[in-house]
């Protein structure tokens, strides 16, 4: 996945946030995107879709942590 045309100020803030968390930008963004994906969007909420279970979220997070260690 590539993100193009990201505003320089946004990229700088993400680097600062990653550093504050003691993570690389890639690790930080993976964690944040996983967190975002685990929630329902407003459109999904209005359609009645069920959220990801806690167990599904934890399994994905564990796989990501393993990928970071590799």
PDB file of N, CA and C in Angstrom:
ATOM      1  N   UNK A   1       0.852  -1.160   0.000  1.00  0.00           N
ATOM      2  CA  UNK A   1       0.000   0.000   0.000  1.00  0.00           C
ATOM      3  C   UNK A   1       0.903   1.229   0.000  1.00  0.00           C
ATOM      4  N   UNK A   2       0.604   2.137  -0.882  1.00  0.00           N
ATOM      5  CA  UNK A   2       1.328   3.401  -0.949  1.00  0.00           C
ATOM      6  C   UNK A   2       0.357   4.547  -0.744  1.00  0.00           C
ATOM      7  N   UNK A   3       0.820   5.559  -0.064  1.00  0.00           N
ATOM      8  CA  UNK A   3       0.012   6.763   0.117  1.00  0.00           C
ATOM      9  C   UNK A   3       0.728   7.887  -0.611  1.00  0.00           C
ATOM     10  N   UNK A   4       0.096   8.390  -1.638  1.00  0.00           N
ATOM     11  CA  UNK A   4       0.704   9.439  -2.456  1.00  0.00           C
ATOM     12  C   UNK A   4       0.120  10.792  -2.093  1.00  0.00           C
ATOM     13  N   UNK A   5       0.892  11.814  -2.362  1.00  0.00           N
ATOM     14  CA  UNK A   5       0.463  13.202  -2.163  1.00  0.00           C
ATOM     15  C   UNK A   5       0.088  13.511  -0.711  1.00  0.00           C
ATOM     16  N   UNK A   6       0.792  12.906   0.218  1.00  0.00           N
ATOM     17  CA  UNK A   6       0.563  13.183   1.633  1.00  0.00           C
ATOM     18  C   UNK A   6       1.185  14.533   1.962  1.00  0.00           C
ATOM     19  N   UNK A   7       0.419  15.374   2.591  1.00  0.00           N
ATOM     20  CA  UNK A   7       0.890  16.700   2.967  1.00  0.00           C
ATOM     21  C   UNK A   7       2.145  16.581   3.839  1.00  0.00           C
ATOM     22  N   UNK A   8       3.124  17.420   3.615  1.00  0.00           N
ATOM     23  CA  UNK A   8       4.375  17.381   4.370  1.00  0.00           C
ATOM     24  C   UNK A   8       4.157  17.540   5.871  1.00  0.00           C
ATOM     25  N   UNK A   9       3.219  18.406   6.250  1.00  0.00           N
ATOM     26  CA  UNK A   9       2.939  18.593   7.677  1.00  0.00           C
ATOM     27  C   UNK A   9       2.346  17.335   8.297  1.00  0.00           C
ATOM     28  N   UNK A  10       1.523  16.632   7.542  1.00  0.00           N
ATOM     29  CA  UNK A  10       0.933  15.383   8.032  1.00  0.00           C
ATOM     30  C   UNK A  10       2.036  14.330   8.192  1.00  0.00           C
ATOM     31  N   UNK A  11       2.904  14.216   7.208  1.00  0.00           N
ATOM     32  CA  UNK A  11       4.002  13.250   7.281  1.00  0.00           C
ATOM     33  C   UNK A  11       4.911  13.551   8.476  1.00  0.00           C
ATOM     34  N   UNK A  12       5.190  14.819   8.701  1.00  0.00           N
ATOM     35  CA  UNK A  12       6.023  15.213   9.830  1.00  0.00           C
ATOM     36  C   UNK A  12       5.367  14.833  11.154  1.00  0.00           C
ATOM     37  N   UNK A  13       4.055  15.093  11.275  1.00  0.00           N
ATOM     38  CA  UNK A  13       3.326  14.764  12.506  1.00  0.00           C
ATOM     39  C   UNK A  13       3.321  13.259  12.756  1.00  0.00           C
ATOM     40  N   UNK A  14       3.132  12.482  11.707  1.00  0.00           N
ATOM     41  CA  UNK A  14       3.138  11.024  11.856  1.00  0.00           C
ATOM     42  C   UNK A  14       4.505  10.533  12.324  1.00  0.00           C
ATOM     43  N   UNK A  15       5.568  11.129  11.804  1.00  0.00           N
ATOM     44  CA  UNK A  15       6.919  10.766  12.249  1.00  0.00           C
ATOM     45  C   UNK A  15       7.108  11.107  13.722  1.00  0.00           C
ATOM     46  N   UNK A  16       6.601  12.274  14.132  1.00  0.00           N
ATOM     47  CA  UNK A  16       6.701  12.671  15.540  1.00  0.00           C
ATOM     48  C   UNK A  16       5.929  11.708  16.441  1.00  0.00           C
ATOM     49  N   UNK A  17       4.731  11.351  16.020  1.00  0.00           N
ATOM     50  CA  UNK A  17       3.909  10.448  16.818  1.00  0.00           C
ATOM     51  C   UNK A  17       4.542   9.063  16.910  1.00  0.00           C
ATOM     52  N   UNK A  18       5.099   8.591  15.808  1.00  0.00           N
ATOM     53  CA  UNK A  18       5.766   7.285  15.808  1.00  0.00           C
ATOM     54  C   UNK A  18       6.962   7.310  16.751  1.00  0.00           C
ATOM     55  N   UNK A  19       7.752   8.366  16.678  1.00  0.00           N
ATOM     56  CA  UNK A  19       8.925   8.480  17.544  1.00  0.00           C
ATOM     57  C   UNK A  19       8.516   8.528  19.014  1.00  0.00           C
ATOM     58  N   UNK A  20       7.458   9.254  19.317  1.00  0.00           N
ATOM     59  CA  UNK A  20       6.982   9.349  20.699  1.00  0.00           C
ATOM     60  C   UNK A  20       6.522   7.985  21.214  1.00  0.00           C
ATOM     61  N   UNK A  21       6.021   7.140  20.306  1.00  0.00           N
ATOM     62  CA  UNK A  21       5.570   5.800  20.688  1.00  0.00           C
ATOM     63  C   UNK A  21       6.716   4.789  20.664  1.00  0.00           C
ATOM     64  N   UNK A  22       7.906   5.235  20.223  1.00  0.00           N
ATOM     65  CA  UNK A  22       9.051   4.331  20.142  1.00  0.00           C
ATOM     66  C   UNK A  22       8.945   3.331  19.007  1.00  0.00           C
ATOM     67  N   UNK A  23       8.272   3.732  17.928  1.00  0.00           N
ATOM     68  CA  UNK A  23       8.046   2.844  16.795  1.00  0.00           C
ATOM     69  C   UNK A  23       8.551   3.479  15.515  1.00  0.00           C
ATOM     70  N   UNK A  24       8.784   2.635  14.516  1.00  0.00           N
ATOM     71  CA  UNK A  24       9.057   3.171  13.187  1.00  0.00           C
ATOM     72  C   UNK A  24       7.733   3.717  12.643  1.00  0.00           C
ATOM     73  N   UNK A  25       7.804   4.565  11.648  1.00  0.00           N
ATOM     74  CA  UNK A  25       6.587   5.109  11.052  1.00  0.00           C
ATOM     75  C   UNK A  25       5.740   3.967  10.494  1.00  0.00           C
ATOM     76  N   UNK A  26       6.375   3.000   9.858  1.00  0.00           N
ATOM     77  CA  UNK A  26       5.656   1.863   9.289  1.00  0.00           C
ATOM     78  C   UNK A  26       4.930   1.075  10.387  1.00  0.00           C
ATOM     79  N   UNK A  27       5.590   0.802  11.492  1.00  0.00           N
ATOM     80  CA  UNK A  27       4.962   0.079  12.596  1.00  0.00           C
ATOM     81  C   UNK A  27       3.803   0.895  13.173  1.00  0.00           C
ATOM     82  N   UNK A  28       4.045   2.172  13.365  1.00  0.00           N
ATOM     83  CA  UNK A  28       3.025   3.048  13.928  1.00  0.00           C
ATOM     84  C   UNK A  28       1.776   3.076  13.042  1.00  0.00           C
ATOM     85  N   UNK A  29       1.988   3.227  11.733  1.00  0.00           N
ATOM     86  CA  UNK A  29       0.857   3.278  10.811  1.00  0.00           C
ATOM     87  C   UNK A  29       0.125   1.944  10.741  1.00  0.00           C
ATOM     88  N   UNK A  30       0.860   0.836  10.779  1.00  0.00           N
ATOM     89  CA  UNK A  30       0.203  -0.477  10.804  1.00  0.00           C
ATOM     90  C   UNK A  30      -0.709  -0.601  12.015  1.00  0.00           C
ATOM     91  N   UNK A  31      -0.198  -0.194  13.171  1.00  0.00           N
ATOM     92  CA  UNK A  31      -1.004  -0.244  14.395  1.00  0.00           C
ATOM     93  C   UNK A  31      -2.241   0.646  14.283  1.00  0.00           C
ATOM     94  N   UNK A  32      -2.052   1.856  13.785  1.00  0.00           N
ATOM     95  CA  UNK A  32      -3.170   2.790  13.673  1.00  0.00           C
ATOM     96  C   UNK A  32      -4.200   2.307  12.655  1.00  0.00           C
ATOM     97  N   UNK A  33      -3.740   1.789  11.531  1.00  0.00           N
ATOM     98  CA  UNK A  33      -4.674   1.296  10.518  1.00  0.00           C
ATOM     99  C   UNK A  33      -5.436   0.075  11.014  1.00  0.00           C
ATOM    100  N   UNK A  34      -4.774  -0.773  11.784  1.00  0.00           N
ATOM    101  CA  UNK A  34      -5.461  -1.923  12.379  1.00  0.00           C
ATOM    102  C   UNK A  34      -6.528  -1.444  13.348  1.00  0.00           C
ATOM    103  N   UNK A  35      -6.196  -0.445  14.154  1.00  0.00           N
ATOM    104  CA  UNK A  35      -7.158   0.117  15.099  1.00  0.00           C
ATOM    105  C   UNK A  35      -8.354   0.712  14.359  1.00  0.00           C
ATOM    106  N   UNK A  36      -8.089   1.447  13.303  1.00  0.00           N
ATOM    107  CA  UNK A  36      -9.160   2.065  12.518  1.00  0.00           C
ATOM    108  C   UNK A  36     -10.035   0.984  11.869  1.00  0.00           C
ATOM    109  N   UNK A  37      -9.405  -0.039  11.312  1.00  0.00           N
ATOM    110  CA  UNK A  37     -10.152  -1.102  10.630  1.00  0.00           C
ATOM    111  C   UNK A  37     -11.009  -1.914  11.590  1.00  0.00           C
ATOM    112  N   UNK A  38     -10.661  -1.908  12.864  1.00  0.00           N
ATOM    113  CA  UNK A  38     -11.429  -2.683  13.835  1.00  0.00           C
ATOM    114  C   UNK A  38     -12.733  -1.998  14.226  1.00  0.00           C
ATOM    115  N   UNK A  39     -12.876  -0.757  13.841  1.00  0.00           N
ATOM    116  CA  UNK A  39     -14.089   0.006  14.151  1.00  0.00           C
ATOM    117  C   UNK A  39     -14.988   0.055  12.921  1.00  0.00           C
ATOM    118  N   UNK A  40     -16.250   0.277  13.168  1.00  0.00           N
ATOM    119  CA  UNK A  40     -17.179   0.449  12.063  1.00  0.00           C
ATOM    120  C   UNK A  40     -17.193   1.906  11.613  1.00  0.00           C
ATOM    121  N   UNK A  41     -17.284   2.089  10.300  1.00  0.00           N
ATOM    122  CA  UNK A  41     -17.425   3.436   9.763  1.00  0.00           C
ATOM    123  C   UNK A  41     -18.865   3.896   9.986  1.00  0.00           C
ATOM    124  N   UNK A  42     -19.134   5.183   9.858  1.00  0.00           N
ATOM    125  CA  UNK A  42     -20.522   5.635   9.978  1.00  0.00           C
ATOM    126  C   UNK A  42     -21.461   4.919   8.992  1.00  0.00           C
ATOM    127  N   UNK A  43     -20.992   4.690   7.780  1.00  0.00           N
ATOM    128  CA  UNK A  43     -21.827   3.985   6.785  1.00  0.00           C
ATOM    129  C   UNK A  43     -22.118   2.557   7.238  1.00  0.00           C
ATOM    130  N   UNK A  44     -21.116   1.889   7.802  1.00  0.00           N
ATOM    131  CA  UNK A  44     -21.322   0.523   8.280  1.00  0.00           C
ATOM    132  C   UNK A  44     -22.261   0.499   9.487  1.00  0.00           C
ATOM    133  N   UNK A  45     -22.120   1.477  10.354  1.00  0.00           N
ATOM    134  CA  UNK A  45     -23.014   1.550  11.510  1.00  0.00           C
ATOM    135  C   UNK A  45     -24.468   1.683  11.077  1.00  0.00           C
ATOM    136  N   UNK A  46     -24.696   2.521  10.081  1.00  0.00           N
ATOM    137  CA  UNK A  46     -26.068   2.741   9.626  1.00  0.00           C
ATOM    138  C   UNK A  46     -26.616   1.547   8.845  1.00  0.00           C
ATOM    139  N   UNK A  47     -25.729   0.694   8.311  1.00  0.00           N
ATOM    140  CA  UNK A  47     -26.190  -0.475   7.551  1.00  0.00           C
ATOM    141  C   UNK A  47     -26.427  -1.690   8.440  1.00  0.00           C
ATOM    142  N   UNK A  48     -26.023  -1.590   9.718  1.00  0.00           N
ATOM    143  CA  UNK A  48     -26.236  -2.696  10.639  1.00  0.00           C
ATOM    144  C   UNK A  48     -25.119  -3.725  10.669  1.00  0.00           C
ATOM    145  N   UNK A  49     -24.002  -3.430  10.066  1.00  0.00           N
ATOM    146  CA  UNK A  49     -22.870  -4.364  10.066  1.00  0.00           C
ATOM    147  C   UNK A  49     -22.328  -4.534  11.480  1.00  0.00           C
ATOM    148  N   UNK A  50     -21.859  -5.740  11.789  1.00  0.00           N
ATOM    149  CA  UNK A  50     -21.311  -6.015  13.111  1.00  0.00           C
ATOM    150  C   UNK A  50     -19.816  -5.722  13.127  1.00  0.00           C
ATOM    151  N   UNK A  51     -19.283  -5.193  14.235  1.00  0.00           N
ATOM    152  CA  UNK A  51     -17.849  -4.887  14.319  1.00  0.00           C
ATOM    153  C   UNK A  51     -17.002  -6.154  14.430  1.00  0.00           C
ATOM    154  N   UNK A  52     -15.719  -5.992  14.156  1.00  0.00           N
ATOM    155  CA  UNK A  52     -14.748  -7.060  14.336  1.00  0.00           C
ATOM    156  C   UNK A  52     -14.731  -7.436  15.815  1.00  0.00           C
ATOM    157  N   UNK A  53     -14.650  -8.728  16.078  1.00  0.00           N
ATOM    158  CA  UNK A  53     -14.608  -9.164  17.475  1.00  0.00           C
ATOM    159  C   UNK A  53     -13.255  -8.821  18.092  1.00  0.00           C
ATOM    160  N   UNK A  54     -13.227  -8.774  19.400  1.00  0.00           N
ATOM    161  CA  UNK A  54     -11.973  -8.512  20.127  1.00  0.00           C
ATOM    162  C   UNK A  54     -10.946  -9.582  19.784  1.00  0.00           C
ATOM    163  N   UNK A  55     -11.383 -10.850  19.682  1.00  0.00           N
ATOM    164  CA  UNK A  55     -10.466 -11.947  19.355  1.00  0.00           C
ATOM    165  C   UNK A  55      -9.865 -11.768  17.961  1.00  0.00           C
ATOM    166  N   UNK A  56     -10.678 -11.333  16.988  1.00  0.00           N
ATOM    167  CA  UNK A  56     -10.163 -11.085  15.636  1.00  0.00           C
ATOM    168  C   UNK A  56      -9.140  -9.959  15.660  1.00  0.00           C
ATOM    169  N   UNK A  57      -9.460  -8.898  16.389  1.00  0.00           N
ATOM    170  CA  UNK A  57      -8.545  -7.767  16.492  1.00  0.00           C
ATOM    171  C   UNK A  57      -7.216  -8.196  17.102  1.00  0.00           C
ATOM    172  N   UNK A  58      -7.273  -8.956  18.205  1.00  0.00           N
ATOM    173  CA  UNK A  58      -6.050  -9.397  18.876  1.00  0.00           C
ATOM    174  C   UNK A  58      -5.227 -10.330  17.997  1.00  0.00           C
ATOM    175  N   UNK A  59      -5.889 -11.194  17.232  1.00  0.00           N
ATOM    176  CA  UNK A  59      -5.168 -12.097  16.323  1.00  0.00           C
ATOM    177  C   UNK A  59      -4.428 -11.307  15.247  1.00  0.00           C
ATOM    178  N   UNK A  60      -5.072 -10.296  14.700  1.00  0.00           N
ATOM    179  CA  UNK A  60      -4.423  -9.466  13.684  1.00  0.00           C
ATOM    180  C   UNK A  60      -3.256  -8.705  14.298  1.00  0.00           C
ATOM    181  N   UNK A  61      -3.463  -8.148  15.476  1.00  0.00           N
ATOM    182  CA  UNK A  61      -2.384  -7.405  16.143  1.00  0.00           C
ATOM    183  C   UNK A  61      -1.197  -8.307  16.427  1.00  0.00           C
ATOM    184  N   UNK A  62      -1.453  -9.545  16.845  1.00  0.00           N
ATOM    185  CA  UNK A  62      -0.361 -10.483  17.113  1.00  0.00           C
ATOM    186  C   UNK A  62       0.402 -10.816  15.832  1.00  0.00           C
ATOM    187  N   UNK A  63      -0.322 -11.008  14.727  1.00  0.00           N
ATOM    188  CA  UNK A  63       0.352 -11.285  13.443  1.00  0.00           C
ATOM    189  C   UNK A  63       1.218 -10.098  13.044  1.00  0.00           C
ATOM    190  N   UNK A  64       0.726  -8.870  13.246  1.00  0.00           N
ATOM    191  CA  UNK A  64       1.519  -7.686  12.912  1.00  0.00           C
ATOM    192  C   UNK A  64       2.773  -7.585  13.773  1.00  0.00           C
ATOM    193  N   UNK A  65       2.646  -7.880  15.021  1.00  0.00           N
ATOM    194  CA  UNK A  65       3.821  -7.844  15.902  1.00  0.00           C
ATOM    195  C   UNK A  65       4.852  -8.865  15.460  1.00  0.00           C
ATOM    196  N   UNK A  66       4.384 -10.030  15.034  1.00  0.00           N
ATOM    197  CA  UNK A  66       5.299 -11.045  14.500  1.00  0.00           C
ATOM    198  C   UNK A  66       5.988 -10.575  13.243  1.00  0.00           C
ATOM    199  N   UNK A  67       5.258  -9.849  12.396  1.00  0.00           N
ATOM    200  CA  UNK A  67       5.839  -9.319  11.161  1.00  0.00           C
ATOM    201  C   UNK A  67       6.904  -8.267  11.489  1.00  0.00           C
ATOM    202  N   UNK A  68       6.674  -7.489  12.544  1.00  0.00           N
ATOM    203  CA  UNK A  68       7.649  -6.470  12.937  1.00  0.00           C
ATOM    204  C   UNK A  68       8.942  -7.113  13.453  1.00  0.00           C
ATOM    205  N   UNK A  69       8.833  -8.292  14.067  1.00  0.00           N
ATOM    206  CA  UNK A  69       9.992  -8.976  14.614  1.00  0.00           C
ATOM    207  C   UNK A  69      10.818  -9.669  13.530  1.00  0.00           C
ATOM    208  N   UNK A  70      10.199  -9.955  12.390  1.00  0.00           N
ATOM    209  CA  UNK A  70      10.874 -10.696  11.304  1.00  0.00           C
ATOM    210  C   UNK A  70      11.839  -9.815  10.539  1.00  0.00           C
TER     211      UNK A  70
END
